[in-house]
N, C-alpha and C. Protein backbone atom coordinates (compact mmCIF):
# COMPACT_ATOMS: atom_id res chain seq x y z
N UNK A 1 25.07 -48.85 -135.90
CA UNK A 1 24.86 -49.44 -137.20
C UNK A 1 24.76 -50.95 -137.05
N UNK A 2 23.77 -51.54 -137.72
CA UNK A 2 23.58 -52.98 -137.63
C UNK A 2 24.50 -53.71 -138.60
N UNK A 3 24.83 -54.94 -138.24
CA UNK A 3 25.68 -55.77 -139.08
C UNK A 3 24.84 -56.40 -140.18
N UNK A 4 25.32 -56.35 -141.42
CA UNK A 4 24.59 -56.93 -142.54
C UNK A 4 24.67 -58.45 -142.49
N UNK A 5 23.55 -59.09 -142.80
CA UNK A 5 23.50 -60.55 -142.83
C UNK A 5 22.67 -60.98 -144.03
N UNK A 6 22.84 -62.23 -144.44
CA UNK A 6 22.01 -62.83 -145.48
C UNK A 6 21.98 -62.04 -146.77
N UNK A 7 20.76 -61.74 -147.22
CA UNK A 7 20.56 -61.04 -148.48
C UNK A 7 21.18 -59.65 -148.45
N UNK A 8 21.09 -58.97 -147.32
CA UNK A 8 21.68 -57.63 -147.21
C UNK A 8 23.18 -57.68 -147.41
N UNK A 9 23.82 -58.69 -146.85
CA UNK A 9 25.26 -58.83 -147.02
C UNK A 9 25.58 -59.14 -148.48
N UNK A 10 24.83 -60.05 -149.10
CA UNK A 10 25.05 -60.39 -150.51
C UNK A 10 24.87 -59.16 -151.40
N UNK A 11 23.90 -58.33 -151.09
CA UNK A 11 23.64 -57.13 -151.89
C UNK A 11 24.75 -56.11 -151.76
N UNK A 12 25.49 -56.15 -150.66
CA UNK A 12 26.55 -55.17 -150.46
C UNK A 12 27.83 -55.54 -151.20
N UNK A 13 27.98 -56.78 -151.61
CA UNK A 13 29.22 -57.22 -152.24
C UNK A 13 29.47 -56.59 -153.61
N UNK A 14 28.50 -56.54 -154.54
CA UNK A 14 28.80 -55.91 -155.84
C UNK A 14 29.25 -54.45 -155.74
N UNK A 15 28.60 -53.60 -154.93
CA UNK A 15 29.13 -52.23 -154.81
C UNK A 15 30.53 -52.20 -154.23
N UNK A 16 30.83 -53.09 -153.30
CA UNK A 16 32.18 -53.14 -152.72
C UNK A 16 33.19 -53.53 -153.79
N UNK A 17 32.83 -54.49 -154.65
CA UNK A 17 33.73 -54.89 -155.72
C UNK A 17 33.92 -53.74 -156.71
N UNK A 18 32.85 -53.00 -156.99
CA UNK A 18 32.94 -51.86 -157.90
C UNK A 18 33.87 -50.81 -157.31
N UNK A 19 33.73 -50.54 -156.03
CA UNK A 19 34.60 -49.56 -155.38
C UNK A 19 36.05 -49.99 -155.52
N UNK A 20 36.32 -51.27 -155.31
CA UNK A 20 37.68 -51.77 -155.41
C UNK A 20 38.22 -51.64 -156.83
N UNK A 21 37.40 -51.88 -157.85
CA UNK A 21 37.90 -51.82 -159.22
C UNK A 21 38.04 -50.39 -159.72
N UNK A 22 37.31 -49.45 -159.14
CA UNK A 22 37.43 -48.06 -159.59
C UNK A 22 38.48 -47.28 -158.81
N UNK A 23 38.86 -47.78 -157.66
CA UNK A 23 39.82 -47.05 -156.83
C UNK A 23 41.19 -47.01 -157.49
N UNK A 24 41.69 -48.12 -158.00
CA UNK A 24 43.03 -48.14 -158.59
C UNK A 24 43.17 -47.20 -159.78
N UNK A 25 42.23 -47.21 -160.74
CA UNK A 25 42.37 -46.24 -161.84
C UNK A 25 42.34 -44.80 -161.36
N UNK A 26 41.51 -44.49 -160.38
CA UNK A 26 41.45 -43.12 -159.85
C UNK A 26 42.77 -42.77 -159.17
N UNK A 27 43.30 -43.70 -158.39
CA UNK A 27 44.58 -43.46 -157.72
C UNK A 27 45.69 -43.31 -158.74
N UNK A 28 45.64 -44.10 -159.78
CA UNK A 28 46.65 -44.03 -160.84
C UNK A 28 46.60 -42.66 -161.52
N UNK A 29 45.41 -42.18 -161.81
CA UNK A 29 45.26 -40.86 -162.42
C UNK A 29 45.78 -39.76 -161.51
N UNK A 30 45.43 -39.84 -160.23
CA UNK A 30 45.92 -38.84 -159.28
C UNK A 30 47.44 -38.88 -159.19
N UNK A 31 48.00 -40.08 -159.23
CA UNK A 31 49.46 -40.20 -159.17
C UNK A 31 50.11 -39.51 -160.35
N UNK A 32 49.55 -39.71 -161.55
CA UNK A 32 50.13 -39.09 -162.74
C UNK A 32 49.95 -37.58 -162.74
N UNK A 33 48.82 -37.10 -162.23
CA UNK A 33 48.63 -35.66 -162.11
C UNK A 33 49.65 -35.08 -161.16
N UNK A 34 49.87 -35.76 -160.04
CA UNK A 34 50.85 -35.29 -159.06
C UNK A 34 52.24 -35.20 -159.70
N UNK A 35 52.57 -36.20 -160.50
CA UNK A 35 53.87 -36.21 -161.18
C UNK A 35 53.96 -35.03 -162.15
N UNK A 36 52.93 -34.86 -162.95
CA UNK A 36 52.91 -33.78 -163.95
C UNK A 36 52.99 -32.40 -163.31
N UNK A 37 52.40 -32.26 -162.12
CA UNK A 37 52.38 -30.98 -161.43
C UNK A 37 53.60 -30.77 -160.52
N UNK A 38 54.48 -31.77 -160.50
CA UNK A 38 55.70 -31.63 -159.71
C UNK A 38 55.52 -31.88 -158.22
N UNK A 39 54.46 -32.55 -157.84
CA UNK A 39 54.22 -32.89 -156.43
C UNK A 39 54.85 -34.25 -156.14
N UNK A 40 56.16 -34.23 -155.93
CA UNK A 40 56.92 -35.47 -155.79
C UNK A 40 56.47 -36.32 -154.59
N UNK A 41 56.21 -35.68 -153.47
CA UNK A 41 55.80 -36.43 -152.27
C UNK A 41 54.45 -37.13 -152.50
N UNK A 42 53.49 -36.41 -153.10
CA UNK A 42 52.19 -37.01 -153.40
C UNK A 42 52.35 -38.15 -154.39
N UNK A 43 53.20 -37.97 -155.40
CA UNK A 43 53.45 -39.01 -156.39
C UNK A 43 54.02 -40.26 -155.70
N UNK A 44 54.96 -40.05 -154.79
CA UNK A 44 55.58 -41.17 -154.07
C UNK A 44 54.54 -41.91 -153.22
N UNK A 45 53.73 -41.16 -152.47
CA UNK A 45 52.72 -41.78 -151.62
C UNK A 45 51.67 -42.54 -152.42
N UNK A 46 51.21 -41.95 -153.52
CA UNK A 46 50.22 -42.62 -154.36
C UNK A 46 50.82 -43.86 -155.02
N UNK A 47 52.09 -43.81 -155.36
CA UNK A 47 52.77 -45.00 -155.91
C UNK A 47 52.81 -46.12 -154.88
N UNK A 48 53.10 -45.75 -153.62
CA UNK A 48 53.12 -46.74 -152.55
C UNK A 48 51.74 -47.37 -152.35
N UNK A 49 50.70 -46.55 -152.42
CA UNK A 49 49.33 -47.06 -152.29
C UNK A 49 49.04 -48.06 -153.40
N UNK A 50 49.39 -47.71 -154.63
CA UNK A 50 49.15 -48.62 -155.75
C UNK A 50 49.94 -49.91 -155.59
N UNK A 51 51.17 -49.83 -155.11
CA UNK A 51 51.96 -51.04 -154.87
C UNK A 51 51.32 -51.92 -153.81
N UNK A 52 50.79 -51.30 -152.75
CA UNK A 52 50.12 -52.05 -151.70
C UNK A 52 48.85 -52.72 -152.23
N UNK A 53 48.10 -51.99 -153.06
CA UNK A 53 46.88 -52.56 -153.64
C UNK A 53 47.22 -53.73 -154.55
N UNK A 54 48.27 -53.61 -155.32
CA UNK A 54 48.68 -54.69 -156.21
C UNK A 54 49.09 -55.92 -155.40
N UNK A 55 49.87 -55.71 -154.34
CA UNK A 55 50.30 -56.82 -153.50
C UNK A 55 49.10 -57.51 -152.84
N UNK A 56 48.16 -56.71 -152.35
CA UNK A 56 46.96 -57.26 -151.73
C UNK A 56 46.14 -58.05 -152.74
N UNK A 57 45.99 -57.51 -153.93
CA UNK A 57 45.25 -58.20 -154.97
C UNK A 57 45.90 -59.54 -155.31
N UNK A 58 47.22 -59.55 -155.41
CA UNK A 58 47.93 -60.80 -155.71
C UNK A 58 47.73 -61.83 -154.61
N UNK A 59 47.80 -61.40 -153.36
CA UNK A 59 47.60 -62.33 -152.23
C UNK A 59 46.19 -62.89 -152.23
N UNK A 60 45.20 -62.02 -152.44
CA UNK A 60 43.81 -62.48 -152.45
C UNK A 60 43.54 -63.42 -153.62
N UNK A 61 44.12 -63.13 -154.77
CA UNK A 61 43.97 -64.01 -155.93
C UNK A 61 44.58 -65.37 -155.64
N UNK A 62 45.77 -65.39 -155.06
CA UNK A 62 46.41 -66.66 -154.72
C UNK A 62 45.59 -67.46 -153.72
N UNK A 63 45.04 -66.77 -152.72
CA UNK A 63 44.17 -67.46 -151.75
C UNK A 63 42.95 -68.07 -152.43
N UNK A 64 42.33 -67.31 -153.32
CA UNK A 64 41.13 -67.79 -154.01
C UNK A 64 41.46 -68.99 -154.89
N UNK A 65 42.56 -68.90 -155.64
CA UNK A 65 42.95 -70.01 -156.52
C UNK A 65 43.26 -71.25 -155.70
N UNK A 66 43.97 -71.08 -154.60
CA UNK A 66 44.31 -72.21 -153.73
C UNK A 66 43.04 -72.84 -153.17
N UNK A 67 42.10 -72.02 -152.73
CA UNK A 67 40.85 -72.53 -152.17
C UNK A 67 40.06 -73.30 -153.23
N UNK A 68 39.95 -72.74 -154.41
CA UNK A 68 39.21 -73.39 -155.49
C UNK A 68 39.87 -74.71 -155.85
N UNK A 69 41.20 -74.72 -155.93
CA UNK A 69 41.92 -75.95 -156.26
C UNK A 69 41.68 -77.02 -155.20
N UNK A 70 41.80 -76.65 -153.93
CA UNK A 70 41.57 -77.61 -152.85
C UNK A 70 40.15 -78.15 -152.89
N UNK A 71 39.19 -77.25 -153.09
CA UNK A 71 37.79 -77.67 -153.15
C UNK A 71 37.56 -78.62 -154.31
N UNK A 72 38.14 -78.32 -155.46
CA UNK A 72 37.99 -79.16 -156.65
C UNK A 72 38.57 -80.56 -156.39
N UNK A 73 39.78 -80.63 -155.87
CA UNK A 73 40.41 -81.93 -155.65
C UNK A 73 39.74 -82.73 -154.55
N UNK A 74 39.21 -82.06 -153.54
CA UNK A 74 38.45 -82.77 -152.49
C UNK A 74 37.17 -83.35 -153.08
N UNK A 75 36.49 -82.57 -153.92
CA UNK A 75 35.25 -83.06 -154.53
C UNK A 75 35.54 -84.20 -155.51
N UNK A 76 36.65 -84.10 -156.21
CA UNK A 76 37.02 -85.13 -157.17
C UNK A 76 37.38 -86.44 -156.45
N UNK A 77 38.04 -86.33 -155.30
CA UNK A 77 38.46 -87.49 -154.54
C UNK A 77 37.29 -88.21 -153.87
N UNK A 78 36.22 -87.46 -153.61
CA UNK A 78 35.07 -88.03 -152.89
C UNK A 78 34.21 -88.92 -153.75
């Protein structure tokens, strides 16, 4: 498989973002079904997945905000 570059890479980003935004609701639904059906182990594992996704999202958001802030202040100082 070839590595995506340029326009091909840019075109792949929106579907990747869509996958990321639809995964959590699907996982959340599966977690609740597992709970309702009495599948405690599945409920626990899906809860852990959601916690990991939330932590990752928070870290990525913080990185993005920090980067934007640094870029803004560097441009303002120049």
